[in-house]
Amino acid sequence: MSIRPTRSNMRCITRSDLSRDKSLDRAAYGPPFFMRPAPGRARQARARQNSGRQKSGSAEILRRTRLRGLPSPGVRRQSARMMQNPIIIQNKLPCLPWMDPRLRRLPGVLPLGDDSWISRDEAYAGQMARRDQLIAERPDKVHALLPAGRAGAEELYDLVLARLHQDPGYRFDGADILRPDGVTVTPDRAEPLLSLGRLIQEDLCLMQAGEAEHYLSGAVLCFPAGWTLAQKIGRPLLGIHVPVPEYDERLARGVQRLFDAIRPEQPLWRMNFLAYDNPELHQPRAEGVARPPRRNHDYVRCEKQVLLRLPQSRAVVFAIHSYIVTTASLPAGARAELLALDIAHHG
C-alpha cells in the first residue's frame, strides 16, 4: 500500500531520530523540528508579509509553502477531504491500456493466459481496510444478491476459498482465515459475496443468462467507478451500461455474443482507464449525475476486468481489480497520450 502523507499523519522528527535511523524519509514526515522556523521568527515573517513587502502571485505562495515543509495548497485541500480515508494507490500499473491498440479499442477483450483473475498487489492492506469499512458501514450499498444468483454466488465462494487455500499468504484455522494483512475473517457461506469481499481485492459481479441478454444477478461492489449497484442490479447488459454513449445496441449485441461464448477453461480480460483528480476508490454516481470535471488529472484509474464462466451454475463472473497511480509516475509519453485522450473524449 502506498499512503501519501497528510497533515493528520505528519509528525515532527528530531535530530536524534535522524541519528538513530538514517532511512527516515524527510519527504514523508516533513522537515525535522530543528529545521522549522521558531515561533517568534514565524510571527515576524507574517508581519513582514502583512506589511506588503512580500512578492505577489501563486508561484511565490507555492515557494514559501515548500520552504516551510508543508503540502501545497491543492494537496492541503485534498488532504482535508481524505482525512478519514488515506490515499490508497499502487506503485505502478500492470500495463498501460491506452498505449496498447488491442486494449484501447472496444471491447478490447483478450484471452487470459494465466490464473490472475484473482491477484494481490502492494495496495492489498489499504484496499482491504477500505473494503472492511464499507462492508461494515453500508452493506446495502456495496452488496446485492437476487435469488436467481445464489447458486452462482455459492459456487464462486467455494472456488475462491479453494484458490486461497493454495496461497501461502492466507492461513486457515478452522472456520477462520488470517489474511495477508494480519486481519482475521470468519467467512460465511450463507453470505457468499460479502464474505469474499473481505478476503480479496477484486469486486465480484455475477451475470446470469436471461431471455435475450445476461443480467446482473448479484455483486459485491466496494469500488464503483461512476455507477451505483442499487440502480444496476437485475438489469441486462445494455441497461447496465446506461448512459455510456459508446455502448450502443450494436456493441451490446457483440458483447452478448461474447458472453455466450465464454468457456470455463478460457477466461477473458480487458482493462479500461480514466483520469481522475480524486483517488478515492469508492466513487458511486447515480444515472443522470454528471461526472465531476477534471482540472489537474492527478491520477489514472484502471480496472482489470476478467470474465470467468462458472462450470456448474453457468453464471459469468465479472471480476474487477482496481488500480490507481499518479499520472506523475507515468512515462512522459504515456502521460501525454492519456491526457490527450481524456480531454478529447471527456472535455
Protein backbone atom coordinates (compact mmCIF):
# COMPACT_ATOMS: atom_id res chain seq x y z
CA MET A 1 0.00 0.00 0.00
CA SER A 2 1.16 3.46 -0.78
CA ILE A 3 -0.30 6.09 1.54
CA ARG A 4 0.61 9.68 0.90
CA PRO A 5 1.36 11.88 3.88
CA THR A 6 -1.39 14.19 5.07
CA ARG A 7 -1.42 16.71 7.89
CA SER A 8 -3.05 14.05 10.03
CA ASN A 9 -0.17 11.59 9.71
CA MET A 10 2.79 14.00 9.62
CA ARG A 11 4.86 14.19 12.79
CA CYS A 12 7.90 16.11 13.93
CA ILE A 13 11.20 14.27 13.94
CA THR A 14 14.22 15.37 15.90
CA ARG A 15 17.95 15.32 15.30
CA SER A 16 18.20 12.22 17.48
CA ASP A 17 15.61 10.44 15.29
CA LEU A 18 17.77 11.04 12.24
CA SER A 19 20.92 9.94 14.00
CA ARG A 20 19.27 6.69 15.07
CA ASP A 21 17.68 5.93 11.71
CA LYS A 22 19.28 7.32 8.58
CA SER A 23 16.47 5.78 6.49
CA LEU A 24 13.82 8.18 7.77
CA ASP A 25 12.13 9.80 4.79
CA ARG A 26 12.01 13.55 5.26
CA ALA A 27 9.52 13.81 2.41
CA ALA A 28 7.09 11.63 4.36
CA TYR A 29 7.47 13.32 7.74
CA GLY A 30 8.20 16.92 6.79
CA PRO A 31 11.30 18.80 7.95
CA PRO A 32 12.82 17.93 11.32
CA PHE A 33 11.77 20.02 14.28
CA PHE A 34 15.15 21.75 14.44
CA MET A 35 14.79 22.90 10.80
CA ARG A 36 11.41 24.58 11.30
CA PRO A 37 11.27 28.32 11.99
CA ALA A 38 10.99 29.32 15.62
CA PRO A 39 7.58 30.70 16.65
CA GLY A 40 9.00 34.23 17.07
CA ARG A 41 10.55 34.16 13.64
CA ALA A 42 7.34 32.86 12.13
CA ARG A 43 5.41 35.79 13.64
CA GLN A 44 7.99 38.23 12.31
CA ALA A 45 7.73 36.67 8.87
CA ARG A 46 3.95 37.04 8.91
CA ALA A 47 4.28 40.65 9.99
CA ARG A 48 6.61 41.35 7.07
CA GLN A 49 4.14 39.71 4.74
CA ASN A 50 1.27 41.81 6.08
CA SER A 51 3.32 44.98 5.59
CA GLY A 52 3.27 44.35 1.88
CA ARG A 53 6.95 43.56 1.41
CA GLN A 54 6.31 40.06 0.07
CA LYS A 55 6.16 39.09 -3.56
CA SER A 56 2.74 38.53 -5.07
CA GLY A 57 1.44 35.67 -7.17
CA SER A 58 0.72 31.99 -6.79
CA ALA A 59 4.31 30.98 -7.62
CA GLU A 60 5.59 32.83 -4.54
CA ILE A 61 2.90 31.21 -2.37
CA LEU A 62 3.97 27.80 -3.57
CA ARG A 63 7.65 28.67 -2.97
CA ARG A 64 7.00 29.68 0.64
CA THR A 65 4.89 26.59 1.18
CA ARG A 66 7.74 24.33 0.06
CA LEU A 67 10.24 26.21 2.25
CA ARG A 68 8.05 25.66 5.29
CA GLY A 69 7.87 21.92 4.57
CA LEU A 70 4.06 21.96 4.21
CA PRO A 71 1.98 20.39 1.45
CA SER A 72 0.96 22.70 -1.40
CA PRO A 73 -2.46 24.42 -1.14
CA GLY A 74 -4.02 21.93 -3.55
CA VAL A 75 -2.65 18.98 -1.59
CA ARG A 76 -3.85 20.54 1.68
CA ARG A 77 -7.39 20.81 0.31
CA GLN A 78 -7.25 17.21 -0.85
CA SER A 79 -5.76 16.12 2.48
CA ALA A 80 -8.71 17.65 4.31
CA ARG A 81 -11.09 15.62 2.17
CA MET A 82 -9.04 12.48 2.72
CA MET A 83 -8.54 12.96 6.46
CA GLN A 84 -10.63 9.91 7.35
CA ASN A 85 -9.65 7.74 4.37
CA PRO A 86 -5.95 7.69 3.47
CA ILE A 87 -4.94 7.81 -0.16
CA ILE A 88 -4.51 4.24 -1.42
CA ILE A 89 -2.55 3.87 -4.64
CA GLN A 90 -0.30 1.36 -6.35
CA ASN A 91 3.30 2.00 -7.35
CA LYS A 92 2.70 1.15 -10.99
CA LEU A 93 0.17 -0.29 -13.43
CA PRO A 94 0.50 -3.85 -14.75
CA CYS A 95 0.16 -2.40 -18.25
CA LEU A 96 -0.76 0.86 -19.99
CA PRO A 97 -4.04 0.02 -21.75
CA TRP A 98 -4.30 3.32 -23.65
CA MET A 99 -0.91 2.57 -25.24
CA ASP A 100 -1.90 -0.96 -26.37
CA PRO A 101 -4.12 -0.99 -29.52
CA ARG A 102 -5.60 -4.35 -28.52
CA LEU A 103 -6.92 -2.95 -25.22
CA ARG A 104 -7.64 0.57 -26.40
CA ARG A 105 -10.36 -0.35 -28.89
CA LEU A 106 -13.76 -1.52 -27.66
CA PRO A 107 -14.46 -4.03 -26.29
CA GLY A 108 -10.71 -4.73 -26.09
CA VAL A 109 -11.09 -8.30 -24.80
CA LEU A 110 -8.20 -10.77 -24.79
CA PRO A 111 -7.76 -14.36 -23.56
CA LEU A 112 -6.36 -14.55 -20.03
CA GLY A 113 -3.19 -16.57 -20.35
CA ASP A 114 -2.71 -17.26 -16.63
CA ASP A 115 -4.67 -17.67 -13.40
CA SER A 116 -4.57 -13.99 -12.42
CA TRP A 117 -8.32 -13.40 -12.24
CA ILE A 118 -7.57 -13.12 -8.51
CA SER A 119 -4.39 -11.25 -7.67
CA ARG A 120 -2.77 -9.44 -4.77
CA ASP A 121 -0.58 -6.35 -5.05
CA GLU A 122 1.16 -3.78 -2.85
CA ALA A 123 -2.14 -1.96 -2.16
CA TYR A 124 -3.73 -5.06 -0.59
CA ALA A 125 -3.70 -3.88 3.03
CA GLY A 126 -5.04 -0.43 2.21
CA GLN A 127 -7.75 -1.65 -0.14
CA MET A 128 -8.87 -4.38 2.26
CA ALA A 129 -9.13 -1.91 5.14
CA ARG A 130 -11.35 0.29 2.96
CA ARG A 131 -13.43 -2.73 1.94
CA ASP A 132 -13.86 -3.76 5.58
CA GLN A 133 -15.05 -0.25 6.40
CA LEU A 134 -17.56 -0.09 3.54
CA ILE A 135 -18.98 -3.56 4.18
CA ALA A 136 -19.38 -2.80 7.89
CA GLU A 137 -20.89 0.67 7.48
CA ARG A 138 -23.01 0.38 4.31
CA PRO A 139 -23.50 -3.25 3.28
CA ASP A 140 -26.72 -2.43 1.42
CA LYS A 141 -24.79 -0.01 -0.81
CA VAL A 142 -21.98 -2.38 -1.77
CA HIS A 143 -23.80 -5.74 -1.91
CA ALA A 144 -26.84 -7.20 -3.61
CA LEU A 145 -27.88 -10.75 -4.42
CA LEU A 146 -31.03 -11.84 -6.25
CA PRO A 147 -32.48 -15.33 -5.59
CA ALA A 148 -31.50 -16.36 -9.12
CA GLY A 149 -27.89 -15.56 -8.36
CA ARG A 150 -27.47 -17.56 -5.16
CA ALA A 151 -26.32 -20.80 -6.80
CA GLY A 152 -23.64 -18.92 -8.71
CA ALA A 153 -22.59 -16.97 -5.62
CA GLU A 154 -22.13 -20.15 -3.59
CA GLU A 155 -20.20 -21.80 -6.41
CA LEU A 156 -17.96 -18.73 -6.63
CA TYR A 157 -17.48 -18.78 -2.84
CA ASP A 158 -16.24 -22.39 -2.98
CA LEU A 159 -13.98 -21.64 -5.95
CA VAL A 160 -12.30 -18.64 -4.33
CA LEU A 161 -11.74 -20.36 -0.98
CA ALA A 162 -10.19 -23.35 -2.76
CA ARG A 163 -7.91 -20.90 -4.56
CA LEU A 164 -6.93 -19.12 -1.32
CA HIS A 165 -6.05 -22.48 0.27
CA GLN A 166 -3.19 -22.61 -2.26
CA ASP A 167 -1.98 -19.09 -1.47
CA PRO A 168 0.62 -19.12 1.34
CA GLY A 169 -0.36 -15.56 2.24
CA TYR A 170 -3.65 -16.83 3.71
CA ARG A 171 -3.71 -19.01 6.82
CA PHE A 172 -6.73 -21.22 7.51
CA ASP A 173 -7.51 -22.07 11.14
CA GLY A 174 -10.79 -23.93 11.44
CA ALA A 175 -13.54 -21.54 10.38
CA ASP A 176 -11.20 -18.52 10.44
CA ILE A 177 -8.92 -17.16 7.75
CA LEU A 178 -5.95 -14.94 8.55
CA ARG A 179 -5.48 -12.52 5.65
CA PRO A 180 -2.04 -11.44 4.40
CA ASP A 181 -2.52 -8.09 6.19
CA GLY A 182 -2.96 -9.81 9.56
CA VAL A 183 -6.77 -9.42 9.80
CA THR A 184 -8.81 -12.50 10.73
CA VAL A 185 -12.05 -13.09 8.81
CA THR A 186 -14.68 -15.74 9.52
CA PRO A 187 -16.37 -16.32 6.16
CA ASP A 188 -19.99 -17.44 5.97
CA ARG A 189 -21.30 -19.43 3.00
CA ALA A 190 -24.76 -18.03 3.77
CA GLU A 191 -23.32 -14.60 2.82
CA PRO A 192 -21.03 -15.71 0.00
CA LEU A 193 -20.35 -12.40 -1.76
CA LEU A 194 -19.96 -10.32 1.39
CA SER A 195 -17.51 -12.90 2.73
CA LEU A 196 -15.44 -12.83 -0.46
CA GLY A 197 -15.49 -9.05 -0.40
CA ARG A 198 -13.49 -9.18 2.83
CA LEU A 199 -10.91 -11.64 1.52
CA ILE A 200 -9.77 -10.46 -1.91
CA GLN A 201 -9.17 -7.12 -3.62
CA GLU A 202 -11.49 -7.86 -6.53
CA ASP A 203 -15.05 -6.64 -6.77
CA LEU A 204 -17.22 -9.52 -7.99
CA CYS A 205 -20.32 -9.26 -10.19
CA LEU A 206 -22.44 -12.23 -11.26
CA MET A 207 -24.02 -12.18 -14.72
CA GLN A 208 -26.87 -14.61 -15.29
CA ALA A 209 -28.23 -15.72 -18.66
CA GLY A 210 -31.63 -14.14 -19.37
CA GLU A 211 -34.10 -14.37 -22.23
CA ALA A 212 -32.12 -12.07 -24.53
CA GLU A 213 -29.14 -10.83 -22.53
CA HIS A 214 -27.13 -11.67 -19.45
CA TYR A 215 -28.26 -9.64 -16.44
CA LEU A 216 -26.68 -8.65 -13.12
CA SER A 217 -27.90 -11.14 -10.50
CA GLY A 218 -25.52 -10.32 -7.66
CA ALA A 219 -22.43 -8.35 -6.72
CA VAL A 220 -20.12 -7.15 -4.02
CA LEU A 221 -19.02 -3.77 -5.36
CA CYS A 222 -16.94 -1.73 -2.94
CA PHE A 223 -15.09 0.33 -5.54
CA PRO A 224 -17.59 1.50 -8.17
CA ALA A 225 -16.19 3.96 -10.70
CA GLY A 226 -19.17 6.15 -11.54
CA TRP A 227 -22.17 3.82 -11.10
CA THR A 228 -24.40 2.51 -8.32
CA LEU A 229 -25.20 -1.13 -7.64
CA ALA A 230 -28.76 -0.40 -6.49
CA GLN A 231 -29.62 1.05 -9.91
CA LYS A 232 -27.98 -1.74 -11.93
CA ILE A 233 -28.97 -4.93 -10.07
CA GLY A 234 -31.33 -7.02 -12.19
CA ARG A 235 -30.63 -5.09 -15.39
CA PRO A 236 -29.39 -6.66 -18.64
CA LEU A 237 -26.07 -5.70 -20.20
CA LEU A 238 -27.42 -2.80 -22.25
CA GLY A 239 -29.27 -1.35 -19.25
CA ILE A 240 -26.20 -1.70 -17.03
CA HIS A 241 -24.17 0.47 -19.39
CA VAL A 242 -26.64 3.36 -19.49
CA PRO A 243 -25.59 6.17 -20.00
CA VAL A 244 -22.26 5.13 -21.61
CA PRO A 245 -22.54 6.66 -25.12
CA GLU A 246 -20.16 4.20 -26.76
CA TYR A 247 -22.20 1.22 -25.55
CA ASP A 248 -24.93 1.22 -28.22
CA GLU A 249 -27.12 -1.65 -29.41
CA ARG A 250 -24.55 -2.77 -31.97
CA LEU A 251 -21.83 -3.08 -29.33
CA ALA A 252 -24.30 -4.70 -26.93
CA ARG A 253 -25.05 -7.47 -29.44
CA GLY A 254 -21.34 -8.13 -29.85
CA VAL A 255 -20.76 -8.25 -26.08
CA GLN A 256 -23.71 -10.62 -25.65
CA ARG A 257 -22.25 -13.00 -28.24
CA LEU A 258 -19.01 -12.79 -26.28
CA PHE A 259 -20.77 -13.73 -23.04
CA ASP A 260 -22.48 -16.66 -24.73
CA ALA A 261 -19.14 -17.98 -26.00
CA ILE A 262 -17.12 -17.82 -22.74
CA ARG A 263 -15.82 -21.24 -21.71
CA PRO A 264 -14.92 -22.21 -18.12
CA GLU A 265 -11.40 -23.18 -19.18
CA GLN A 266 -10.71 -19.91 -21.03
CA PRO A 267 -11.40 -16.70 -19.08
CA LEU A 268 -11.14 -13.36 -20.85
CA TRP A 269 -9.86 -9.98 -19.72
CA ARG A 270 -9.74 -6.32 -20.62
CA MET A 271 -8.55 -3.13 -18.94
CA ASN A 272 -10.10 0.33 -19.01
CA PHE A 273 -8.62 3.67 -17.99
CA LEU A 274 -9.77 7.11 -16.89
CA ALA A 275 -8.07 10.17 -15.41
CA TYR A 276 -9.19 11.45 -12.01
CA ASP A 277 -8.45 14.30 -9.63
CA ASN A 278 -9.70 12.31 -6.63
CA PRO A 279 -8.05 8.95 -5.82
CA GLU A 280 -10.92 7.71 -3.63
CA LEU A 281 -11.75 4.13 -4.64
CA HIS A 282 -15.43 4.24 -3.65
CA GLN A 283 -16.95 6.61 -6.21
CA PRO A 284 -20.61 5.71 -6.84
CA ARG A 285 -22.60 8.02 -9.08
CA ALA A 286 -26.29 7.85 -9.94
CA GLU A 287 -27.52 7.91 -13.52
CA GLY A 288 -28.10 11.42 -14.75
CA VAL A 289 -25.48 12.92 -12.44
CA ALA A 290 -22.63 14.46 -14.39
CA ARG A 291 -19.11 13.30 -13.74
CA PRO A 292 -17.16 15.97 -11.84
CA PRO A 293 -14.82 17.88 -14.16
CA ARG A 294 -11.14 17.06 -14.00
CA ARG A 295 -8.83 20.01 -13.54
CA ASN A 296 -5.47 18.54 -12.59
CA HIS A 297 -5.63 14.93 -13.87
CA ASP A 298 -3.51 13.88 -10.90
CA TYR A 299 -4.39 10.16 -11.03
CA VAL A 300 -5.23 7.48 -13.56
CA ARG A 301 -7.60 4.70 -12.54
CA CYS A 302 -7.55 1.38 -14.39
CA GLU A 303 -9.74 -1.67 -13.86
CA LYS A 304 -8.54 -5.10 -14.86
CA GLN A 305 -11.83 -6.82 -15.70
CA VAL A 306 -11.93 -10.61 -16.01
CA LEU A 307 -14.82 -12.68 -17.38
CA LEU A 308 -14.94 -16.23 -16.00
CA ARG A 309 -17.61 -18.87 -16.65
CA LEU A 310 -18.61 -20.97 -13.63
CA PRO A 311 -18.94 -24.62 -14.77
CA GLN A 312 -21.90 -25.66 -12.61
CA SER A 313 -24.27 -22.68 -12.47
CA ARG A 314 -23.03 -21.36 -15.87
CA ALA A 315 -23.07 -17.84 -14.45
CA VAL A 316 -20.36 -15.48 -15.66
CA VAL A 317 -18.16 -13.83 -13.02
CA PHE A 318 -17.14 -10.27 -13.79
CA ALA A 319 -14.12 -9.69 -11.52
CA ILE A 320 -12.74 -6.14 -11.19
CA HIS A 321 -9.29 -5.35 -9.80
CA SER A 322 -8.85 -1.59 -9.32
CA TYR A 323 -5.53 0.18 -9.82
CA ILE A 324 -4.81 3.84 -9.11
CA VAL A 325 -1.46 5.51 -9.73
CA THR A 326 -0.36 9.11 -10.01
CA THR A 327 -0.07 10.45 -13.53
CA ALA A 328 3.27 11.92 -12.47
CA SER A 329 4.62 8.38 -12.10
CA LEU A 330 3.87 7.53 -15.74
CA PRO A 331 6.46 7.79 -18.52
CA ALA A 332 6.25 11.20 -20.18
CA GLY A 333 4.91 9.85 -23.47
CA ALA A 334 2.24 7.73 -21.82
CA ARG A 335 1.18 10.64 -19.60
CA ALA A 336 0.81 12.99 -22.56
CA GLU A 337 -1.19 10.42 -24.53
CA LEU A 338 -3.51 9.75 -21.57
CA LEU A 339 -4.26 13.43 -21.02
CA ALA A 340 -4.87 13.99 -24.74
CA LEU A 341 -7.32 11.07 -24.87
CA ASP A 342 -9.11 12.13 -21.70
CA ILE A 343 -9.57 15.69 -22.91
CA ALA A 344 -10.68 14.53 -26.36
CA HIS A 345 -13.33 12.14 -25.00
CA HIS A 346 -14.49 13.88 -21.84
CA GLY A 347 -13.55 17.53 -22.27
